[in-house]
């Protein structure tokens, strides 16, 4: 080959395992592209927007063979409460809207003597007596400032308290129970 030529020089042949890996990667890319081009319907079979039918909270109750899967629509069907408060994890006052934990527990038939274990997407866990959480006015928030929360924004669910309403809610114990990215609840009696 002449000096200064821009002709492509073919590298030595790759080992069979590398060639197989490249074929698999190309097939995977084609599959992903096909799925993207096909597009998923915006609604589930029942006409509900997919966002309303996706499980947001799994609840395990004593005596149930499998956990209950609560969707945004399930949570919206329960009583709603909103309050504006400041938190240690956000800038300025925030408006939270969601289901009072008391209303959810009553709907599930859970009494105040139960113990509630809460788990976040990142594995953080907290356990507390139901009566302590409901007495302090815990709210399972699904909106912050009128907008659904993503996991990056501490959602989709965040157990919050109206910290500004009572100095007793500004303690390490209450702060440690303020679990964001909430995705599972286990009830024990």
N, C-alpha and C. Protein backbone atom coordinates (compact mmCIF):
# COMPACT_ATOMS: atom_id res chain seq x y z
N UNK A 1 0.86 -1.18 0.00
CA UNK A 1 0.00 0.00 0.00
C UNK A 1 0.90 1.23 0.00
N UNK A 2 0.59 2.22 -0.83
CA UNK A 2 1.42 3.42 -0.91
C UNK A 2 1.36 4.21 0.40
N UNK A 3 2.44 4.92 0.68
CA UNK A 3 2.51 5.76 1.85
C UNK A 3 1.49 6.88 1.72
N UNK A 4 0.81 7.21 2.84
CA UNK A 4 -0.17 8.27 2.84
C UNK A 4 -1.52 7.84 2.31
N UNK A 5 -1.70 6.58 1.98
CA UNK A 5 -2.97 6.10 1.46
C UNK A 5 -4.02 6.07 2.57
N UNK A 6 -5.25 6.35 2.20
CA UNK A 6 -6.34 6.32 3.17
C UNK A 6 -7.17 5.06 3.01
N UNK A 7 -6.64 4.10 2.29
CA UNK A 7 -7.38 2.85 2.10
C UNK A 7 -7.57 2.16 3.45
N UNK A 8 -8.71 1.50 3.60
CA UNK A 8 -9.04 0.82 4.86
C UNK A 8 -8.22 -0.46 4.98
N UNK A 9 -7.60 -0.63 6.13
CA UNK A 9 -6.86 -1.85 6.39
C UNK A 9 -7.75 -2.73 7.26
N UNK A 10 -8.02 -3.92 6.78
CA UNK A 10 -8.90 -4.82 7.52
C UNK A 10 -8.12 -5.46 8.67
N UNK A 11 -8.68 -5.38 9.90
CA UNK A 11 -8.00 -5.98 11.03
C UNK A 11 -8.04 -7.50 10.91
N UNK A 12 -7.19 -8.16 11.66
CA UNK A 12 -7.22 -9.63 11.63
C UNK A 12 -8.60 -10.11 12.05
N UNK A 13 -8.98 -11.27 11.58
CA UNK A 13 -10.30 -11.83 11.87
C UNK A 13 -10.50 -12.01 13.38
N UNK A 14 -11.68 -11.60 13.86
CA UNK A 14 -11.99 -11.71 15.29
C UNK A 14 -12.27 -13.16 15.64
N UNK A 15 -12.00 -13.54 16.90
CA UNK A 15 -12.29 -14.90 17.33
C UNK A 15 -13.79 -15.19 17.24
N UNK A 16 -14.18 -16.45 17.11
CA UNK A 16 -15.60 -16.80 16.95
C UNK A 16 -16.50 -16.26 18.07
N UNK A 17 -16.02 -16.25 19.29
CA UNK A 17 -16.85 -15.77 20.40
C UNK A 17 -17.18 -14.29 20.24
N UNK A 18 -16.24 -13.50 19.74
CA UNK A 18 -16.47 -12.07 19.53
C UNK A 18 -17.47 -11.87 18.39
N UNK A 19 -17.31 -12.66 17.31
CA UNK A 19 -18.26 -12.55 16.19
C UNK A 19 -19.67 -12.90 16.65
N UNK A 20 -19.81 -13.94 17.47
CA UNK A 20 -21.12 -14.34 17.97
C UNK A 20 -21.70 -13.23 18.85
N UNK A 21 -20.87 -12.62 19.66
CA UNK A 21 -21.33 -11.54 20.53
C UNK A 21 -21.85 -10.37 19.69
N UNK A 22 -21.11 -10.04 18.62
CA UNK A 22 -21.54 -8.94 17.75
C UNK A 22 -22.86 -9.26 17.05
N UNK A 23 -23.04 -10.52 16.61
CA UNK A 23 -24.32 -10.91 15.99
C UNK A 23 -25.46 -10.77 16.99
N UNK A 24 -25.23 -11.20 18.24
CA UNK A 24 -26.27 -11.09 19.27
C UNK A 24 -26.61 -9.63 19.55
N UNK A 25 -25.59 -8.80 19.60
CA UNK A 25 -25.82 -7.38 19.86
C UNK A 25 -26.62 -6.75 18.72
N UNK A 26 -26.29 -7.09 17.47
CA UNK A 26 -27.05 -6.56 16.33
C UNK A 26 -28.50 -7.02 16.39
N UNK A 27 -28.73 -8.29 16.74
CA UNK A 27 -30.10 -8.81 16.84
C UNK A 27 -30.86 -8.09 17.95
N UNK A 28 -30.19 -7.84 19.07
CA UNK A 28 -30.82 -7.12 20.17
C UNK A 28 -31.20 -5.71 19.73
N UNK A 29 -30.31 -5.02 19.04
CA UNK A 29 -30.61 -3.67 18.56
C UNK A 29 -31.81 -3.67 17.61
N UNK A 30 -31.86 -4.67 16.70
CA UNK A 30 -33.00 -4.76 15.78
C UNK A 30 -34.30 -4.99 16.55
N UNK A 31 -34.25 -5.84 17.58
CA UNK A 31 -35.44 -6.11 18.39
C UNK A 31 -35.92 -4.88 19.13
N UNK A 32 -34.99 -4.14 19.71
CA UNK A 32 -35.34 -2.92 20.44
C UNK A 32 -35.93 -1.90 19.47
N UNK A 33 -35.32 -1.76 18.32
CA UNK A 33 -35.83 -0.83 17.32
C UNK A 33 -37.24 -1.22 16.88
N UNK A 34 -37.48 -2.51 16.67
CA UNK A 34 -38.80 -2.97 16.26
C UNK A 34 -39.84 -2.63 17.33
N UNK A 35 -39.48 -2.83 18.59
CA UNK A 35 -40.42 -2.49 19.67
C UNK A 35 -40.70 -1.00 19.70
N UNK A 36 -39.66 -0.20 19.51
CA UNK A 36 -39.85 1.26 19.52
C UNK A 36 -40.73 1.70 18.36
N UNK A 37 -40.52 1.13 17.20
CA UNK A 37 -41.30 1.52 16.04
C UNK A 37 -42.75 1.04 16.14
N UNK A 38 -42.94 -0.12 16.77
CA UNK A 38 -44.30 -0.65 16.90
C UNK A 38 -45.13 0.23 17.81
N UNK A 39 -44.50 0.77 18.86
CA UNK A 39 -45.20 1.66 19.78
C UNK A 39 -46.21 0.91 20.62
N UNK A 40 -46.20 1.18 21.90
CA UNK A 40 -47.17 0.55 22.80
C UNK A 40 -48.40 1.42 22.86
N UNK A 41 -49.55 0.81 22.99
CA UNK A 41 -50.76 1.64 23.10
C UNK A 41 -50.70 2.49 24.37
N UNK A 42 -51.29 3.66 24.30
CA UNK A 42 -51.27 4.57 25.44
C UNK A 42 -52.24 4.15 26.53
N UNK A 43 -53.15 3.23 26.20
CA UNK A 43 -54.15 2.80 27.17
C UNK A 43 -54.08 1.29 27.36
N UNK A 44 -54.46 0.85 28.54
CA UNK A 44 -54.58 -0.57 28.81
C UNK A 44 -55.85 -1.07 28.15
N UNK A 45 -56.09 -2.38 28.23
CA UNK A 45 -57.26 -2.97 27.59
C UNK A 45 -58.57 -2.40 28.09
N UNK A 46 -58.60 -1.91 29.33
CA UNK A 46 -59.84 -1.39 29.89
C UNK A 46 -60.05 0.10 29.60
N UNK A 47 -59.19 0.70 28.77
CA UNK A 47 -59.33 2.10 28.41
C UNK A 47 -58.67 3.06 29.38
N UNK A 48 -58.15 2.56 30.51
CA UNK A 48 -57.46 3.41 31.47
C UNK A 48 -56.08 3.76 30.93
N UNK A 49 -55.61 4.98 31.14
CA UNK A 49 -54.23 5.28 30.76
C UNK A 49 -53.28 4.33 31.50
N UNK A 50 -52.21 3.89 30.83
CA UNK A 50 -51.27 2.93 31.43
C UNK A 50 -50.75 3.42 32.77
N UNK A 51 -50.55 4.70 32.92
CA UNK A 51 -50.05 5.24 34.17
C UNK A 51 -50.99 4.92 35.33
N UNK A 52 -52.30 4.80 35.05
CA UNK A 52 -53.28 4.49 36.10
C UNK A 52 -53.36 3.01 36.41
N UNK A 53 -52.83 2.14 35.55
CA UNK A 53 -52.96 0.70 35.76
C UNK A 53 -51.65 0.06 36.21
N UNK A 54 -50.58 0.79 36.25
CA UNK A 54 -49.29 0.26 36.69
C UNK A 54 -49.27 0.19 38.22
N UNK A 55 -48.74 -0.88 38.77
CA UNK A 55 -48.66 -1.03 40.23
C UNK A 55 -47.70 0.01 40.80
N UNK A 56 -48.20 0.78 41.78
CA UNK A 56 -47.36 1.74 42.49
C UNK A 56 -46.97 1.23 43.87
N UNK A 57 -47.86 0.45 44.49
CA UNK A 57 -47.62 0.00 45.85
C UNK A 57 -48.10 -1.44 46.01
N UNK A 58 -47.20 -2.30 46.45
CA UNK A 58 -47.56 -3.67 46.77
C UNK A 58 -47.79 -3.74 48.28
N UNK A 59 -48.93 -4.28 48.68
CA UNK A 59 -49.29 -4.36 50.09
C UNK A 59 -49.49 -5.82 50.47
N UNK A 60 -48.68 -6.29 51.42
CA UNK A 60 -48.81 -7.66 51.93
C UNK A 60 -49.55 -7.61 53.26
N UNK A 61 -50.68 -8.30 53.31
CA UNK A 61 -51.51 -8.33 54.52
C UNK A 61 -51.46 -9.73 55.13
N UNK A 62 -51.57 -9.81 56.46
CA UNK A 62 -51.60 -11.14 57.08
C UNK A 62 -52.78 -11.94 56.54
N UNK A 63 -52.53 -13.19 56.22
CA UNK A 63 -53.59 -14.07 55.73
C UNK A 63 -53.80 -14.03 54.23
N UNK A 64 -53.26 -13.04 53.53
CA UNK A 64 -53.39 -12.99 52.07
C UNK A 64 -52.32 -13.87 51.44
N UNK A 65 -52.71 -14.65 50.45
CA UNK A 65 -51.76 -15.53 49.78
C UNK A 65 -50.76 -14.74 48.94
N UNK A 66 -51.18 -13.62 48.41
CA UNK A 66 -50.30 -12.81 47.55
C UNK A 66 -50.52 -11.34 47.90
N UNK A 67 -49.51 -10.51 47.66
CA UNK A 67 -49.69 -9.08 47.95
C UNK A 67 -50.73 -8.45 47.02
N UNK A 68 -51.35 -7.41 47.51
CA UNK A 68 -52.27 -6.62 46.69
C UNK A 68 -51.44 -5.60 45.91
N UNK A 69 -51.85 -5.35 44.70
CA UNK A 69 -51.15 -4.41 43.83
C UNK A 69 -52.03 -3.19 43.65
N UNK A 70 -51.62 -2.08 44.25
CA UNK A 70 -52.41 -0.85 44.17
C UNK A 70 -51.86 0.04 43.06
N UNK A 71 -52.75 0.53 42.24
CA UNK A 71 -52.39 1.41 41.12
C UNK A 71 -52.71 2.85 41.49
N UNK A 72 -52.32 3.75 40.61
CA UNK A 72 -52.65 5.17 40.81
C UNK A 72 -54.17 5.34 40.87
N UNK A 73 -54.90 4.61 40.04
CA UNK A 73 -56.36 4.70 40.05
C UNK A 73 -56.91 4.22 41.40
N UNK A 74 -56.34 3.16 41.96
CA UNK A 74 -56.78 2.67 43.28
C UNK A 74 -56.57 3.75 44.34
N UNK A 75 -55.41 4.40 44.30
CA UNK A 75 -55.11 5.43 45.28
C UNK A 75 -56.00 6.65 45.09
N UNK A 76 -56.29 7.01 43.86
CA UNK A 76 -57.16 8.16 43.58
C UNK A 76 -58.59 7.91 44.04
N UNK A 77 -58.99 6.65 44.15
CA UNK A 77 -60.35 6.32 44.57
C UNK A 77 -60.54 6.50 46.08
N UNK A 78 -59.45 6.66 46.82
CA UNK A 78 -59.51 6.85 48.28
C UNK A 78 -59.57 8.34 48.61
N UNK A 79 -59.94 8.66 49.86
CA UNK A 79 -59.94 10.08 50.25
C UNK A 79 -58.58 10.73 50.02
N UNK A 80 -58.61 11.99 49.63
CA UNK A 80 -57.39 12.72 49.30
C UNK A 80 -57.20 13.86 50.29
N UNK A 81 -55.94 14.16 50.54
CA UNK A 81 -55.59 15.29 51.41
C UNK A 81 -54.38 15.99 50.80
N UNK A 82 -54.29 17.29 51.01
CA UNK A 82 -53.13 18.07 50.54
C UNK A 82 -52.67 18.97 51.67
N UNK A 83 -51.39 19.24 51.69
CA UNK A 83 -50.85 20.26 52.59
C UNK A 83 -49.56 20.80 52.00
N UNK A 84 -49.20 21.96 52.49
CA UNK A 84 -47.98 22.65 52.05
C UNK A 84 -47.03 22.65 53.25
N UNK A 85 -45.81 22.17 53.03
CA UNK A 85 -44.84 22.10 54.11
C UNK A 85 -43.42 22.14 53.55
N UNK A 86 -42.47 22.44 54.39
CA UNK A 86 -41.07 22.35 54.00
C UNK A 86 -40.53 20.99 54.45
N UNK A 87 -39.51 20.52 53.76
CA UNK A 87 -38.87 19.27 54.14
C UNK A 87 -37.36 19.48 54.20
N UNK A 88 -36.66 18.54 54.79
CA UNK A 88 -35.20 18.59 54.83
C UNK A 88 -34.58 18.24 53.48
N UNK A 89 -35.37 17.72 52.55
CA UNK A 89 -34.84 17.16 51.32
C UNK A 89 -35.21 17.94 50.08
N UNK A 90 -35.96 19.04 50.25
CA UNK A 90 -36.38 19.85 49.10
C UNK A 90 -36.12 21.32 49.41
N UNK A 91 -36.13 22.14 48.38
CA UNK A 91 -35.94 23.57 48.54
C UNK A 91 -37.29 24.26 48.63
N UNK A 92 -37.50 25.01 49.70
CA UNK A 92 -38.72 25.79 49.86
C UNK A 92 -39.93 24.92 50.16
N UNK A 93 -41.06 25.59 50.43
CA UNK A 93 -42.30 24.85 50.71
C UNK A 93 -42.74 24.04 49.50
N UNK A 94 -43.30 22.87 49.77
CA UNK A 94 -43.80 21.97 48.73
C UNK A 94 -45.25 21.63 49.05
N UNK A 95 -46.04 21.46 48.01
CA UNK A 95 -47.44 21.05 48.20
C UNK A 95 -47.54 19.56 47.87
N UNK A 96 -47.93 18.77 48.86
CA UNK A 96 -48.07 17.32 48.69
C UNK A 96 -49.55 16.96 48.67
N UNK A 97 -49.91 16.07 47.76
CA UNK A 97 -51.28 15.56 47.65
C UNK A 97 -51.20 14.05 47.60
N UNK A 98 -52.10 13.42 48.36
CA UNK A 98 -52.11 11.96 48.35
C UNK A 98 -53.18 11.41 49.26
N UNK A 99 -52.98 10.17 49.66
CA UNK A 99 -53.94 9.45 50.49
C UNK A 99 -53.44 9.44 51.93
N UNK A 100 -54.25 9.88 52.87
CA UNK A 100 -53.84 9.73 54.27
C UNK A 100 -53.62 8.24 54.56
N UNK A 101 -52.51 7.92 55.21
CA UNK A 101 -52.23 6.52 55.52
C UNK A 101 -53.39 5.90 56.30
N UNK A 102 -54.00 6.67 57.18
CA UNK A 102 -55.14 6.17 57.96
C UNK A 102 -56.25 5.68 57.03
N UNK A 103 -56.57 6.44 55.98
CA UNK A 103 -57.63 6.06 55.04
C UNK A 103 -57.27 4.78 54.30
N UNK A 104 -56.01 4.64 53.89
CA UNK A 104 -55.59 3.43 53.20
C UNK A 104 -55.68 2.22 54.13
N UNK A 105 -55.20 2.37 55.36
CA UNK A 105 -55.24 1.25 56.30
C UNK A 105 -56.68 0.86 56.62
N UNK A 106 -57.56 1.84 56.79
CA UNK A 106 -58.97 1.54 57.04
C UNK A 106 -59.58 0.81 55.85
N UNK A 107 -59.24 1.23 54.64
CA UNK A 107 -59.76 0.59 53.44
C UNK A 107 -59.28 -0.87 53.35
N UNK A 108 -58.08 -1.13 53.83
CA UNK A 108 -57.52 -2.48 53.80
C UNK A 108 -57.95 -3.32 55.01
N UNK A 109 -58.66 -2.70 55.96
CA UNK A 109 -59.10 -3.42 57.15
C UNK A 109 -58.01 -3.62 58.18
N UNK A 110 -57.03 -2.72 58.20
CA UNK A 110 -55.91 -2.81 59.12
C UNK A 110 -56.18 -1.93 60.33
N UNK A 111 -56.07 -2.50 61.52
CA UNK A 111 -56.32 -1.75 62.75
C UNK A 111 -55.09 -1.02 63.24
N UNK A 112 -55.27 -0.14 64.23
CA UNK A 112 -54.17 0.68 64.74
C UNK A 112 -53.11 -0.12 65.50
N UNK A 113 -53.43 -1.36 65.89
CA UNK A 113 -52.47 -2.17 66.64
C UNK A 113 -51.44 -2.84 65.73
N UNK A 114 -51.62 -2.75 64.42
CA UNK A 114 -50.71 -3.40 63.47
C UNK A 114 -49.36 -2.71 63.43
N UNK A 115 -48.38 -3.44 62.93
CA UNK A 115 -47.06 -2.88 62.66
C UNK A 115 -46.93 -2.80 61.14
N UNK A 116 -46.41 -1.68 60.67
CA UNK A 116 -46.28 -1.44 59.24
C UNK A 116 -44.79 -1.39 58.88
N UNK A 117 -44.39 -2.23 57.94
CA UNK A 117 -43.03 -2.18 57.40
C UNK A 117 -43.12 -1.58 56.01
N UNK A 118 -42.35 -0.54 55.76
CA UNK A 118 -42.36 0.16 54.47
C UNK A 118 -41.01 -0.04 53.80
N UNK A 119 -41.03 -0.23 52.48
CA UNK A 119 -39.78 -0.43 51.74
C UNK A 119 -39.75 0.49 50.52
N UNK A 120 -38.57 1.03 50.25
CA UNK A 120 -38.37 1.91 49.10
C UNK A 120 -37.73 1.14 47.95
N UNK A 121 -37.78 1.74 46.77
CA UNK A 121 -37.16 1.15 45.58
C UNK A 121 -35.68 0.85 45.79
N UNK A 122 -35.00 1.69 46.58
CA UNK A 122 -33.56 1.51 46.79
C UNK A 122 -33.24 0.55 47.94
N UNK A 123 -34.28 -0.08 48.52
CA UNK A 123 -34.07 -1.05 49.59
C UNK A 123 -34.17 -0.48 51.00
N UNK A 124 -34.28 0.83 51.14
CA UNK A 124 -34.44 1.43 52.47
C UNK A 124 -35.72 0.90 53.09
N UNK A 125 -35.65 0.55 54.37
CA UNK A 125 -36.81 0.00 55.07
C UNK A 125 -37.02 0.75 56.38
N UNK A 126 -38.27 0.86 56.74
CA UNK A 126 -38.62 1.45 58.04
C UNK A 126 -39.83 0.69 58.56
N UNK A 127 -39.84 0.48 59.86
CA UNK A 127 -40.96 -0.21 60.50
C UNK A 127 -41.47 0.65 61.64
N UNK A 128 -42.79 0.74 61.77
CA UNK A 128 -43.38 1.57 62.82
C UNK A 128 -44.77 1.07 63.14
N UNK A 129 -45.24 1.34 64.35
CA UNK A 129 -46.63 1.00 64.68
C UNK A 129 -47.59 1.85 63.85
N UNK A 130 -48.65 1.24 63.38
CA UNK A 130 -49.64 1.96 62.57
C UNK A 130 -50.18 3.16 63.32
N UNK A 131 -50.45 2.99 64.63
CA UNK A 131 -51.04 4.10 65.37
C UNK A 131 -50.10 5.30 65.46
N UNK A 132 -48.79 5.06 65.48
CA UNK A 132 -47.84 6.19 65.51
C UNK A 132 -47.84 6.93 64.17
N UNK A 133 -47.89 6.20 63.09
CA UNK A 133 -47.89 6.83 61.76
C UNK A 133 -49.18 7.60 61.51
N UNK A 134 -50.30 7.00 61.86
CA UNK A 134 -51.58 7.66 61.61
C UNK A 134 -51.80 8.82 62.57
N UNK A 135 -51.33 8.68 63.80
CA UNK A 135 -51.46 9.77 64.78
C UNK A 135 -50.72 11.01 64.29
N UNK A 136 -49.56 10.79 63.65
CA UNK A 136 -48.76 11.90 63.15
C UNK A 136 -49.23 12.42 61.79
N UNK A 137 -50.31 11.85 61.25
CA UNK A 137 -50.89 12.36 60.00
C UNK A 137 -50.13 11.99 58.75
N UNK A 138 -49.53 10.80 58.71
CA UNK A 138 -48.76 10.38 57.53
C UNK A 138 -49.62 10.43 56.27
N UNK A 139 -49.03 10.88 55.20
CA UNK A 139 -49.69 10.99 53.91
C UNK A 139 -48.86 10.23 52.88
N UNK A 140 -49.50 9.36 52.12
CA UNK A 140 -48.81 8.71 51.00
C UNK A 140 -49.03 9.62 49.81
N UNK A 141 -48.04 10.47 49.56
CA UNK A 141 -48.17 11.48 48.51
C UNK A 141 -47.85 10.89 47.15
N UNK A 142 -48.69 11.22 46.17
CA UNK A 142 -48.43 10.83 44.79
C UNK A 142 -48.25 12.05 43.89
N UNK A 143 -48.50 13.25 44.45
CA UNK A 143 -48.25 14.49 43.71
C UNK A 143 -47.40 15.41 44.57
N UNK A 144 -46.48 16.07 43.95
CA UNK A 144 -45.72 17.14 44.61
C UNK A 144 -45.83 18.36 43.73
N UNK A 145 -46.37 19.42 44.30
CA UNK A 145 -46.61 20.66 43.55
C UNK A 145 -47.48 20.39 42.31
N UNK A 146 -48.46 19.50 42.48
CA UNK A 146 -49.43 19.23 41.43
C UNK A 146 -48.96 18.29 40.34
N UNK A 147 -47.78 17.71 40.48
CA UNK A 147 -47.21 16.87 39.44
C UNK A 147 -46.84 15.49 40.00
N UNK A 148 -47.14 14.41 39.26
CA UNK A 148 -46.68 13.10 39.72
C UNK A 148 -45.15 13.09 39.85
N UNK A 149 -44.68 12.37 40.86
CA UNK A 149 -43.24 12.31 41.12
C UNK A 149 -42.62 11.10 40.44
N UNK A 150 -41.46 11.29 39.84
CA UNK A 150 -40.70 10.18 39.29
C UNK A 150 -39.75 9.67 40.38
N UNK A 151 -39.16 8.49 40.19
CA UNK A 151 -38.19 8.02 41.18
C UNK A 151 -37.05 9.03 41.41
N UNK A 152 -36.65 9.72 40.38
CA UNK A 152 -35.59 10.72 40.53
C UNK A 152 -36.05 11.89 41.42
N UNK A 153 -37.37 12.10 41.47
CA UNK A 153 -37.94 13.19 42.28
C UNK A 153 -38.55 12.66 43.58
N UNK A 154 -38.06 11.51 44.04
CA UNK A 154 -38.47 10.87 45.28
C UNK A 154 -39.81 10.16 45.18
N UNK A 155 -40.30 9.93 43.98
CA UNK A 155 -41.57 9.24 43.79
C UNK A 155 -41.37 7.80 43.36
N UNK A 156 -42.41 7.17 42.92
CA UNK A 156 -43.73 7.74 42.65
C UNK A 156 -44.56 7.99 43.91
N UNK A 157 -44.19 7.37 45.03
CA UNK A 157 -44.90 7.61 46.28
C UNK A 157 -43.90 8.04 47.35
N UNK A 158 -44.36 8.94 48.22
CA UNK A 158 -43.50 9.44 49.29
C UNK A 158 -44.36 9.56 50.55
N UNK A 159 -43.98 8.87 51.61
CA UNK A 159 -44.68 9.00 52.89
C UNK A 159 -44.15 10.25 53.56
N UNK A 160 -45.01 11.26 53.65
CA UNK A 160 -44.61 12.55 54.20
C UNK A 160 -45.54 12.96 55.34
N UNK A 161 -45.07 13.92 56.10
CA UNK A 161 -45.83 14.47 57.22
C UNK A 161 -45.87 15.99 57.04
N UNK A 162 -46.83 16.63 57.64
CA UNK A 162 -46.92 18.09 57.59
C UNK A 162 -45.98 18.65 58.67
N UNK A 163 -44.69 18.62 58.37
CA UNK A 163 -43.64 18.97 59.33
C UNK A 163 -43.82 20.37 59.92
N UNK A 164 -44.37 21.28 59.14
CA UNK A 164 -44.52 22.67 59.60
C UNK A 164 -45.70 22.84 60.56
N UNK A 165 -46.59 21.86 60.63
CA UNK A 165 -47.80 22.03 61.44
C UNK A 165 -47.55 21.80 62.93
N UNK A 166 -46.45 21.12 63.27
CA UNK A 166 -46.22 20.76 64.67
C UNK A 166 -44.73 20.50 64.88
N UNK A 167 -44.11 21.19 65.83
CA UNK A 167 -42.68 20.94 66.09
C UNK A 167 -42.38 19.48 66.44
N UNK A 168 -43.36 18.76 66.97
CA UNK A 168 -43.16 17.35 67.32
C UNK A 168 -42.92 16.48 66.07
N UNK A 169 -43.26 17.01 64.89
CA UNK A 169 -43.03 16.27 63.65
C UNK A 169 -41.65 16.53 63.07
N UNK A 170 -40.89 17.41 63.69
CA UNK A 170 -39.54 17.72 63.20
C UNK A 170 -38.50 17.03 64.08
N UNK A 171 -38.61 15.69 64.15
CA UNK A 171 -37.68 14.89 64.95
C UNK A 171 -37.01 13.85 64.05
N UNK A 172 -35.90 13.33 64.51
CA UNK A 172 -35.21 12.30 63.74
C UNK A 172 -36.09 11.07 63.53
N UNK A 173 -36.91 10.73 64.52
CA UNK A 173 -37.80 9.57 64.38
C UNK A 173 -38.77 9.78 63.23
N UNK A 174 -39.42 10.94 63.19
CA UNK A 174 -40.38 11.21 62.11
C UNK A 174 -39.65 11.34 60.78
N UNK A 175 -38.52 12.02 60.76
CA UNK A 175 -37.77 12.13 59.51
C UNK A 175 -37.37 10.76 58.97
N UNK A 176 -36.98 9.85 59.86
CA UNK A 176 -36.56 8.51 59.40
C UNK A 176 -37.73 7.72 58.83
N UNK A 177 -38.94 8.07 59.20
CA UNK A 177 -40.14 7.39 58.68
C UNK A 177 -40.63 8.01 57.38
N UNK A 178 -40.05 9.09 56.98
CA UNK A 178 -40.46 9.81 55.76
C UNK A 178 -39.80 9.14 54.56
N UNK A 179 -40.33 8.03 54.18
CA UNK A 179 -39.71 7.18 53.16
C UNK A 179 -40.18 7.59 51.76
N UNK A 180 -39.23 7.92 50.91
CA UNK A 180 -39.58 8.25 49.53
C UNK A 180 -39.28 7.05 48.65
N UNK A 181 -39.71 7.09 47.41
CA UNK A 181 -39.66 5.98 46.47
C UNK A 181 -40.34 4.74 47.07
N UNK A 182 -41.37 4.99 47.85
CA UNK A 182 -42.11 3.91 48.51
C UNK A 182 -42.72 2.99 47.47
N UNK A 183 -42.48 1.67 47.62
CA UNK A 183 -43.09 0.74 46.65
C UNK A 183 -43.69 -0.50 47.31
N UNK A 184 -43.45 -0.71 48.61
CA UNK A 184 -44.02 -1.90 49.25
C UNK A 184 -44.35 -1.64 50.70
N UNK A 185 -45.43 -2.28 51.16
CA UNK A 185 -45.85 -2.17 52.55
C UNK A 185 -46.22 -3.58 53.02
N UNK A 186 -45.70 -3.95 54.19
CA UNK A 186 -46.05 -5.23 54.78
C UNK A 186 -46.69 -4.96 56.13
N UNK A 187 -47.86 -5.53 56.34
CA UNK A 187 -48.60 -5.33 57.57
C UNK A 187 -48.50 -6.59 58.40
N UNK A 188 -48.16 -6.44 59.68
CA UNK A 188 -48.18 -7.57 60.60
C UNK A 188 -48.98 -7.16 61.82
N UNK A 189 -49.61 -8.13 62.44
CA UNK A 189 -50.47 -7.84 63.58
C UNK A 189 -49.76 -8.11 64.87
